[in-house]
Amino acid sequence: MTVPSPYVLLINPNSSQATTEMMLDIARRTASGRLRLVAATANRSPSMIVNDLQLAESAAQVIEIGLAHETDCAGIIVSAYGDPGVLELQESLAVPVIGICEASMIAASQGGRKFGVATVTPNLADAIAARAASIGLSHLYTGIRCTAGDPEKLAGERDRLRIELEAAIKLCIIDGADAVIIGGGPLGEAAEHLRTLFDIPIIAPISSAVEQMVVALGKDALGEKERA
């Protein structure tokens, strides 16, 4: 008997539909059929969240979307770095709720590794540090290294984004990081590319969240879907 893969909702707290489609594509590739993923996009946030105030304000709609899908999904992934609304949904819902920030930090810190974050949003530095503290990983967090210039413009320039993030990764390594996270849902494609360029682990947050969701829902690593 074939059992359908669990239905998981990916919420993009940024209001860009193009970003949502990119995130969903990465999540589906990572899941490889182990999850059935669909996405929802916030429409009251900026197209790209770049500071603490925007991050905090985005939480309300993330919570609304999550609560609206309480009865029709097996799990929820919140795909913005800083995890807006995640703690509230974890407290309110019976299904697993995983934020890409927490997921990536857990993945990066495996085996007691020190980790840093390379990203484009310096104005989210405090929120990222606070998230590391909230999950008990401040002692392993080496800090954030950021690209220069306008984050949203840079995110739209694929080749330049990769070059700038590569430089930020190298600075994280100088800081003592044994693994580096590419911090941001809209940076998903760059994260997947940069994973192949370094000898140390480069952590892609969306993929980390998907893998943790698979575990949380009791699916095995091979993605086996047939059960007697």
Protein backbone atom coordinates (compact mmCIF):
# COMPACT_ATOMS: atom_id res chain seq x y z
CA MET A 1 0.00 0.00 0.00
CA THR A 2 1.38 3.40 -0.98
CA VAL A 3 1.09 6.09 1.67
CA PRO A 4 1.17 9.69 0.37
CA SER A 5 4.05 11.84 1.54
CA PRO A 6 3.11 14.35 4.27
CA TYR A 7 1.77 17.70 3.09
CA VAL A 8 3.97 20.56 4.32
CA LEU A 9 3.33 24.28 3.95
CA LEU A 10 6.26 26.63 3.28
CA ILE A 11 5.49 30.22 4.29
CA ASN A 12 7.48 33.05 2.71
CA PRO A 13 7.23 36.07 5.03
CA ASN A 14 8.66 38.25 2.24
CA SER A 15 6.03 39.44 -0.25
CA SER A 16 7.88 38.43 -3.43
CA GLN A 17 6.09 35.67 -5.33
CA ALA A 18 9.23 35.05 -7.39
CA THR A 19 11.17 34.43 -4.18
CA THR A 20 8.48 32.05 -3.01
CA GLU A 21 8.74 30.05 -6.22
CA MET A 22 12.52 29.85 -5.87
CA MET A 23 12.23 28.71 -2.25
CA LEU A 24 9.61 26.11 -3.12
CA ASP A 25 11.76 24.74 -5.95
CA ILE A 26 14.73 24.31 -3.59
CA ALA A 27 12.54 22.70 -0.94
CA ARG A 28 11.01 20.26 -3.39
CA ARG A 29 14.41 19.29 -4.81
CA THR A 30 15.69 18.66 -1.30
CA ALA A 31 12.62 16.68 -0.29
CA SER A 32 12.88 14.41 -3.35
CA GLY A 33 9.33 13.21 -2.89
CA ARG A 34 9.57 12.65 0.87
CA LEU A 35 7.26 15.63 1.45
CA ARG A 36 4.47 17.23 -0.59
CA LEU A 37 5.33 20.92 -0.44
CA VAL A 38 3.15 23.89 -1.25
CA ALA A 39 3.80 27.54 -0.47
CA ALA A 40 2.06 30.65 0.79
CA THR A 41 3.34 34.20 0.36
CA ALA A 42 2.80 37.07 2.78
CA ASN A 43 1.35 40.15 1.12
CA ARG A 44 1.78 42.76 3.87
CA SER A 45 5.58 42.67 4.10
CA PRO A 46 8.29 44.19 1.89
CA SER A 47 9.46 42.10 -1.03
CA MET A 48 12.61 41.44 1.01
CA ILE A 49 12.85 41.79 4.78
CA VAL A 50 16.07 43.64 5.61
CA ASN A 51 15.81 44.95 9.19
CA ASP A 52 14.60 44.05 12.67
CA LEU A 53 11.39 46.11 12.46
CA GLN A 54 10.29 44.50 9.19
CA LEU A 55 11.11 41.08 10.61
CA ALA A 56 9.05 41.69 13.74
CA GLU A 57 6.12 43.13 11.79
CA SER A 58 6.07 40.16 9.40
CA ALA A 59 5.35 37.76 12.24
CA ALA A 60 1.66 38.65 12.48
CA GLN A 61 0.82 37.48 8.98
CA VAL A 62 3.02 34.39 9.29
CA ILE A 63 0.98 33.44 12.34
CA GLU A 64 -2.29 34.13 10.51
CA ILE A 65 -1.27 31.93 7.58
CA GLY A 66 -0.06 29.17 9.87
CA LEU A 67 -3.24 29.13 11.95
CA ALA A 68 -5.38 29.12 8.80
CA HIS A 69 -3.68 25.91 7.66
CA GLU A 70 -3.70 24.21 11.07
CA THR A 71 -6.01 21.40 10.03
CA ASP A 72 -4.78 20.70 6.50
CA CYS A 73 -1.00 20.28 6.75
CA ALA A 74 1.38 17.96 8.58
CA GLY A 75 4.03 20.62 9.15
CA ILE A 76 5.04 24.22 8.45
CA ILE A 77 8.36 25.71 7.34
CA VAL A 78 8.84 29.46 7.85
CA SER A 79 11.33 30.67 5.25
CA ALA A 80 12.77 33.98 6.47
CA TYR A 81 16.00 34.30 8.41
CA GLY A 82 15.17 35.33 11.96
CA ASP A 83 12.16 32.97 12.10
CA PRO A 84 9.27 35.47 12.43
CA GLY A 85 6.22 33.93 14.07
CA VAL A 86 7.87 30.55 14.57
CA LEU A 87 7.83 30.48 18.37
CA GLU A 88 4.18 31.54 18.47
CA LEU A 89 3.17 28.87 15.95
CA GLN A 90 5.17 26.22 17.78
CA GLU A 91 3.22 27.05 20.92
CA SER A 92 -0.16 27.14 19.14
CA LEU A 93 -0.06 24.22 16.70
CA ALA A 94 0.20 20.48 17.17
CA VAL A 95 2.16 20.01 13.92
CA PRO A 96 5.92 20.63 13.63
CA VAL A 97 6.85 24.24 12.83
CA ILE A 98 10.44 24.78 11.67
CA GLY A 99 12.13 28.10 10.93
CA ILE A 100 15.01 28.16 8.49
CA CYS A 101 17.19 30.17 10.89
CA GLU A 102 16.91 27.69 13.74
CA ALA A 103 17.21 24.74 11.37
CA SER A 104 20.38 26.05 9.78
CA MET A 105 22.00 26.82 13.14
CA ILE A 106 21.24 23.34 14.42
CA ALA A 107 22.72 21.84 11.25
CA ALA A 108 25.78 24.09 11.36
CA SER A 109 26.53 23.34 15.02
CA GLN A 110 26.47 19.55 14.68
CA GLY A 111 29.36 17.96 16.53
CA GLY A 112 30.04 21.16 18.43
CA ARG A 113 31.16 23.07 15.34
CA LYS A 114 31.56 26.82 15.57
CA PHE A 115 29.52 28.59 12.92
CA GLY A 116 29.10 32.00 11.36
CA VAL A 117 26.51 33.58 9.10
CA ALA A 118 27.26 35.16 5.73
CA THR A 119 24.44 37.35 4.48
CA VAL A 120 23.37 40.59 2.82
CA THR A 121 21.39 42.15 5.69
CA PRO A 122 23.58 43.84 8.32
CA ASN A 123 20.48 45.34 9.96
CA LEU A 124 19.37 41.84 10.95
CA ALA A 125 22.56 41.16 12.90
CA ASP A 126 20.91 41.59 16.31
CA ALA A 127 17.96 39.37 15.39
CA ILE A 128 20.28 36.63 14.13
CA ALA A 129 22.42 36.76 17.28
CA ALA A 130 19.26 36.67 19.40
CA ARG A 131 18.06 33.56 17.58
CA ALA A 132 21.34 31.81 18.28
CA ALA A 133 20.94 32.72 21.94
CA SER A 134 17.33 31.55 22.06
CA ILE A 135 18.30 28.03 21.00
CA GLY A 136 21.35 27.88 23.27
CA LEU A 137 24.05 28.21 20.60
CA SER A 138 25.64 31.57 21.40
CA HIS A 139 28.79 29.82 22.59
CA LEU A 140 29.31 28.39 19.09
CA TYR A 141 28.26 31.45 17.09
CA THR A 142 31.23 33.37 15.65
CA GLY A 143 29.13 36.23 14.31
CA ILE A 144 27.81 37.66 11.08
CA ARG A 145 29.69 38.85 8.00
CA CYS A 146 27.79 40.93 5.46
CA THR A 147 28.09 42.03 1.89
CA ALA A 148 28.19 45.74 1.09
CA GLY A 149 25.49 47.81 -0.59
CA ASP A 150 21.73 47.55 -0.96
CA PRO A 151 20.61 44.02 0.02
CA GLU A 152 17.62 43.83 -2.31
CA LYS A 153 19.55 45.06 -5.33
CA LEU A 154 22.39 42.64 -4.65
CA ALA A 155 19.99 39.72 -4.22
CA GLY A 156 18.78 40.37 -7.77
CA GLU A 157 22.27 40.19 -9.27
CA ARG A 158 23.08 36.48 -9.23
CA ASP A 159 26.76 36.49 -10.18
CA ARG A 160 27.69 39.47 -8.04
CA LEU A 161 25.73 38.04 -5.12
CA ARG A 162 27.70 34.82 -5.27
CA ILE A 163 31.03 36.67 -5.40
CA GLU A 164 30.13 38.93 -2.48
CA LEU A 165 28.84 36.05 -0.36
CA GLU A 166 31.94 34.01 -1.14
CA ALA A 167 34.03 36.85 0.28
CA ALA A 168 31.79 36.99 3.37
CA ILE A 169 32.22 33.25 3.88
CA LYS A 170 36.00 33.65 3.84
CA LEU A 171 35.70 36.31 6.55
CA CYS A 172 33.57 33.96 8.65
CA ILE A 173 36.29 31.34 8.34
CA ILE A 174 38.87 33.89 9.52
CA ASP A 175 36.57 34.52 12.50
CA GLY A 176 36.95 30.85 13.43
CA ALA A 177 33.83 29.32 11.90
CA ASP A 178 33.96 25.58 11.14
CA ALA A 179 30.72 25.90 9.16
CA VAL A 180 29.07 28.91 7.54
CA ILE A 181 25.38 29.54 6.99
CA ILE A 182 24.11 31.56 4.05
CA GLY A 183 21.59 33.57 6.06
CA GLY A 184 18.42 34.32 4.19
CA GLY A 185 15.53 32.68 2.37
CA PRO A 186 15.93 34.92 -0.72
CA LEU A 187 19.58 33.77 -0.88
CA GLY A 188 18.52 30.17 -1.38
CA GLU A 189 19.93 29.68 -4.88
CA ALA A 190 23.25 31.28 -3.96
CA ALA A 191 23.46 29.03 -0.91
CA GLU A 192 22.98 25.91 -3.01
CA HIS A 193 25.77 27.05 -5.37
CA LEU A 194 28.24 28.07 -2.67
CA ARG A 195 27.96 24.72 -0.92
CA THR A 196 30.18 23.24 -3.65
CA LEU A 197 33.05 25.75 -3.35
CA PHE A 198 34.47 25.21 0.13
CA ASP A 199 36.05 22.39 2.10
CA ILE A 200 34.03 23.28 5.21
CA PRO A 201 30.24 22.85 5.38
CA ILE A 202 28.28 25.72 3.80
CA ILE A 203 24.77 25.47 5.19
CA ALA A 204 21.73 26.23 3.06
CA PRO A 205 18.85 27.14 5.42
CA ILE A 206 15.92 25.98 3.27
CA SER A 207 17.48 22.57 2.71
CA SER A 208 18.26 22.32 6.44
CA ALA A 209 14.63 23.01 7.33
CA VAL A 210 13.36 20.42 4.86
CA GLU A 211 15.68 17.73 6.22
CA GLN A 212 14.63 18.51 9.77
CA MET A 213 10.98 18.38 8.75
CA VAL A 214 11.50 14.95 7.21
CA VAL A 215 12.95 13.75 10.51
CA ALA A 216 10.21 15.46 12.54
CA LEU A 217 7.53 13.69 10.51
CA GLY A 218 9.17 10.32 10.90
CA LYS A 219 10.25 9.80 7.30
CA ASP A 220 13.44 7.83 6.80
CA ALA A 221 16.48 9.30 5.09
CA LEU A 222 15.91 7.28 1.94
CA GLY A 223 12.48 8.75 1.44
CA GLU A 224 10.78 5.37 1.41
CA LYS A 225 7.05 5.87 0.99
CA GLU A 226 5.77 2.31 0.85
CA ARG A 227 4.58 0.74 4.07
CA ALA A 228 2.76 -2.48 4.66
